[in-house]
Amino acid sequence: MENGPAVFAGSVFALFGAGLLVWTAARLRHREPVADGMSPAASAMVASFAGTTALLLAVWCFTRV
């Protein structure tokens, strides 16, 4: 019974992290801002950090199964 929540949380983190990294890369490739009102470098760095952190949390959740 305890594996279900870990798998669900890991899946959510993996989908969010991968989606955020793909979206950030697409925005940077088209030379569009990642976030309005911020410098392009800072917003890309924050979004990349958040995506990578989400993927690391997904790996951690999957190791708990």
N, C-alpha and C. Protein backbone atom coordinates (compact mmCIF):
# COMPACT_ATOMS: atom_id res chain seq x y z
N MET A 1 0.80 -1.21 0.00
CA MET A 1 0.00 0.00 0.00
C MET A 1 0.84 1.27 0.00
N GLU A 2 2.05 1.19 0.50
CA GLU A 2 2.86 2.40 0.59
C GLU A 2 3.55 2.73 -0.73
N ASN A 3 3.59 1.80 -1.67
CA ASN A 3 4.25 2.06 -2.95
C ASN A 3 3.44 3.00 -3.83
N GLY A 4 2.13 2.97 -3.72
CA GLY A 4 1.26 3.78 -4.58
C GLY A 4 1.55 5.27 -4.50
N PRO A 5 1.56 5.86 -3.30
CA PRO A 5 1.85 7.29 -3.20
C PRO A 5 3.24 7.67 -3.69
N ALA A 6 4.24 6.82 -3.47
CA ALA A 6 5.59 7.12 -3.93
C ALA A 6 5.66 7.11 -5.45
N VAL A 7 4.99 6.15 -6.07
CA VAL A 7 4.98 6.08 -7.53
C VAL A 7 4.23 7.28 -8.11
N PHE A 8 3.10 7.63 -7.49
CA PHE A 8 2.33 8.77 -7.97
C PHE A 8 3.13 10.06 -7.85
N ALA A 9 3.74 10.29 -6.69
CA ALA A 9 4.52 11.51 -6.48
C ALA A 9 5.72 11.55 -7.42
N GLY A 10 6.39 10.42 -7.60
CA GLY A 10 7.52 10.37 -8.52
C GLY A 10 7.11 10.67 -9.94
N SER A 11 5.96 10.15 -10.35
CA SER A 11 5.47 10.41 -11.71
C SER A 11 5.14 11.88 -11.90
N VAL A 12 4.52 12.48 -10.91
CA VAL A 12 4.17 13.90 -11.00
C VAL A 12 5.43 14.75 -11.07
N PHE A 13 6.40 14.47 -10.21
CA PHE A 13 7.65 15.23 -10.25
C PHE A 13 8.37 15.04 -11.58
N ALA A 14 8.38 13.80 -12.10
CA ALA A 14 9.08 13.54 -13.36
C ALA A 14 8.41 14.28 -14.52
N LEU A 15 7.09 14.23 -14.59
CA LEU A 15 6.39 14.91 -15.67
C LEU A 15 6.56 16.43 -15.58
N PHE A 16 6.46 16.97 -14.37
CA PHE A 16 6.62 18.41 -14.21
C PHE A 16 8.04 18.84 -14.55
N GLY A 17 9.03 18.14 -14.02
CA GLY A 17 10.42 18.51 -14.28
C GLY A 17 10.79 18.41 -15.74
N ALA A 18 10.39 17.32 -16.39
CA ALA A 18 10.70 17.17 -17.81
C ALA A 18 9.96 18.22 -18.64
N GLY A 19 8.70 18.46 -18.32
CA GLY A 19 7.94 19.47 -19.05
C GLY A 19 8.53 20.86 -18.90
N LEU A 20 8.95 21.19 -17.70
CA LEU A 20 9.53 22.51 -17.45
C LEU A 20 10.85 22.68 -18.19
N LEU A 21 11.67 21.64 -18.21
CA LEU A 21 12.95 21.74 -18.92
C LEU A 21 12.75 21.83 -20.43
N VAL A 22 11.79 21.07 -20.96
CA VAL A 22 11.51 21.13 -22.41
C VAL A 22 10.96 22.50 -22.77
N TRP A 23 10.04 23.01 -21.96
CA TRP A 23 9.46 24.32 -22.22
C TRP A 23 10.53 25.42 -22.16
N THR A 24 11.40 25.35 -21.17
CA THR A 24 12.47 26.34 -21.04
C THR A 24 13.41 26.29 -22.24
N ALA A 25 13.76 25.09 -22.66
CA ALA A 25 14.65 24.95 -23.82
C ALA A 25 13.99 25.49 -25.09
N ALA A 26 12.70 25.24 -25.25
CA ALA A 26 11.98 25.75 -26.43
C ALA A 26 11.93 27.28 -26.42
N ARG A 27 11.67 27.85 -25.27
CA ARG A 27 11.64 29.32 -25.18
C ARG A 27 13.01 29.92 -25.47
N LEU A 28 14.06 29.30 -24.96
CA LEU A 28 15.41 29.82 -25.20
C LEU A 28 15.81 29.65 -26.66
N ARG A 29 15.41 28.55 -27.28
CA ARG A 29 15.76 28.30 -28.67
C ARG A 29 15.13 29.34 -29.59
N HIS A 30 13.92 29.80 -29.25
CA HIS A 30 13.22 30.81 -30.06
C HIS A 30 13.55 32.23 -29.63
N ARG A 31 14.49 32.36 -28.70
CA ARG A 31 14.91 33.67 -28.19
C ARG A 31 13.76 34.47 -27.59
N GLU A 32 12.87 33.78 -26.90
CA GLU A 32 11.74 34.41 -26.22
C GLU A 32 11.99 34.39 -24.72
N PRO A 33 11.40 35.32 -23.99
CA PRO A 33 11.64 35.34 -22.54
C PRO A 33 11.00 34.13 -21.85
N VAL A 34 11.67 33.63 -20.85
CA VAL A 34 11.15 32.51 -20.08
C VAL A 34 10.11 33.02 -19.09
N ALA A 35 10.35 34.17 -18.50
CA ALA A 35 9.41 34.79 -17.57
C ALA A 35 9.39 36.29 -17.84
N ASP A 36 8.21 36.85 -17.86
CA ASP A 36 8.09 38.30 -18.09
C ASP A 36 8.57 39.07 -16.87
N GLY A 37 9.27 40.15 -17.12
CA GLY A 37 9.69 41.03 -16.05
C GLY A 37 11.01 40.64 -15.40
N MET A 38 11.64 39.59 -15.88
CA MET A 38 12.94 39.18 -15.33
C MET A 38 13.97 39.19 -16.44
N SER A 39 15.22 39.20 -16.06
CA SER A 39 16.26 39.11 -17.08
C SER A 39 16.23 37.70 -17.67
N PRO A 40 16.52 37.56 -18.95
CA PRO A 40 16.48 36.24 -19.59
C PRO A 40 17.40 35.21 -18.94
N ALA A 41 18.57 35.64 -18.54
CA ALA A 41 19.52 34.69 -17.93
C ALA A 41 19.02 34.21 -16.57
N ALA A 42 18.51 35.13 -15.77
CA ALA A 42 18.04 34.76 -14.43
C ALA A 42 16.81 33.86 -14.50
N SER A 43 15.88 34.18 -15.38
CA SER A 43 14.66 33.36 -15.47
C SER A 43 14.98 31.98 -16.03
N ALA A 44 15.90 31.89 -16.97
CA ALA A 44 16.30 30.58 -17.50
C ALA A 44 17.00 29.76 -16.43
N MET A 45 17.82 30.40 -15.62
CA MET A 45 18.52 29.70 -14.56
C MET A 45 17.55 29.18 -13.51
N VAL A 46 16.61 29.99 -13.10
CA VAL A 46 15.64 29.57 -12.09
C VAL A 46 14.77 28.44 -12.61
N ALA A 47 14.30 28.55 -13.85
CA ALA A 47 13.46 27.50 -14.42
C ALA A 47 14.24 26.20 -14.60
N SER A 48 15.49 26.29 -15.01
CA SER A 48 16.31 25.09 -15.16
C SER A 48 16.58 24.44 -13.81
N PHE A 49 16.84 25.25 -12.81
CA PHE A 49 17.07 24.72 -11.47
C PHE A 49 15.83 24.03 -10.94
N ALA A 50 14.66 24.64 -11.14
CA ALA A 50 13.41 24.04 -10.67
C ALA A 50 13.12 22.72 -11.39
N GLY A 51 13.35 22.68 -12.69
CA GLY A 51 13.13 21.45 -13.44
C GLY A 51 14.06 20.33 -13.02
N THR A 52 15.32 20.68 -12.83
CA THR A 52 16.29 19.68 -12.39
C THR A 52 15.99 19.18 -10.99
N THR A 53 15.58 20.08 -10.11
CA THR A 53 15.21 19.69 -8.76
C THR A 53 14.01 18.75 -8.77
N ALA A 54 13.02 19.03 -9.61
CA ALA A 54 11.86 18.16 -9.71
C ALA A 54 12.26 16.77 -10.21
N LEU A 55 13.17 16.70 -11.18
CA LEU A 55 13.63 15.40 -11.66
C LEU A 55 14.40 14.64 -10.58
N LEU A 56 15.19 15.34 -9.80
CA LEU A 56 15.91 14.68 -8.70
C LEU A 56 14.94 14.18 -7.63
N LEU A 57 13.89 14.94 -7.36
CA LEU A 57 12.87 14.48 -6.42
C LEU A 57 12.14 13.26 -6.96
N ALA A 58 11.92 13.20 -8.26
CA ALA A 58 11.29 12.03 -8.86
C ALA A 58 12.16 10.80 -8.67
N VAL A 59 13.45 10.95 -8.91
CA VAL A 59 14.37 9.82 -8.71
C VAL A 59 14.35 9.38 -7.26
N TRP A 60 14.36 10.33 -6.34
CA TRP A 60 14.31 9.99 -4.93
C TRP A 60 13.03 9.24 -4.57
N CYS A 61 11.90 9.69 -5.10
CA CYS A 61 10.63 9.01 -4.84
C CYS A 61 10.63 7.59 -5.39
N PHE A 62 11.19 7.42 -6.57
CA PHE A 62 11.21 6.09 -7.18
C PHE A 62 12.15 5.14 -6.44
N THR A 63 13.16 5.67 -5.76
CA THR A 63 14.04 4.79 -4.97
C THR A 63 13.37 4.35 -3.69
N ARG A 64 12.29 4.99 -3.29
CA ARG A 64 11.57 4.64 -2.07
C ARG A 64 10.53 3.54 -2.29
N VAL A 65 10.37 3.11 -3.54
CA VAL A 65 9.34 2.10 -3.85
C VAL A 65 9.81 0.75 -3.41
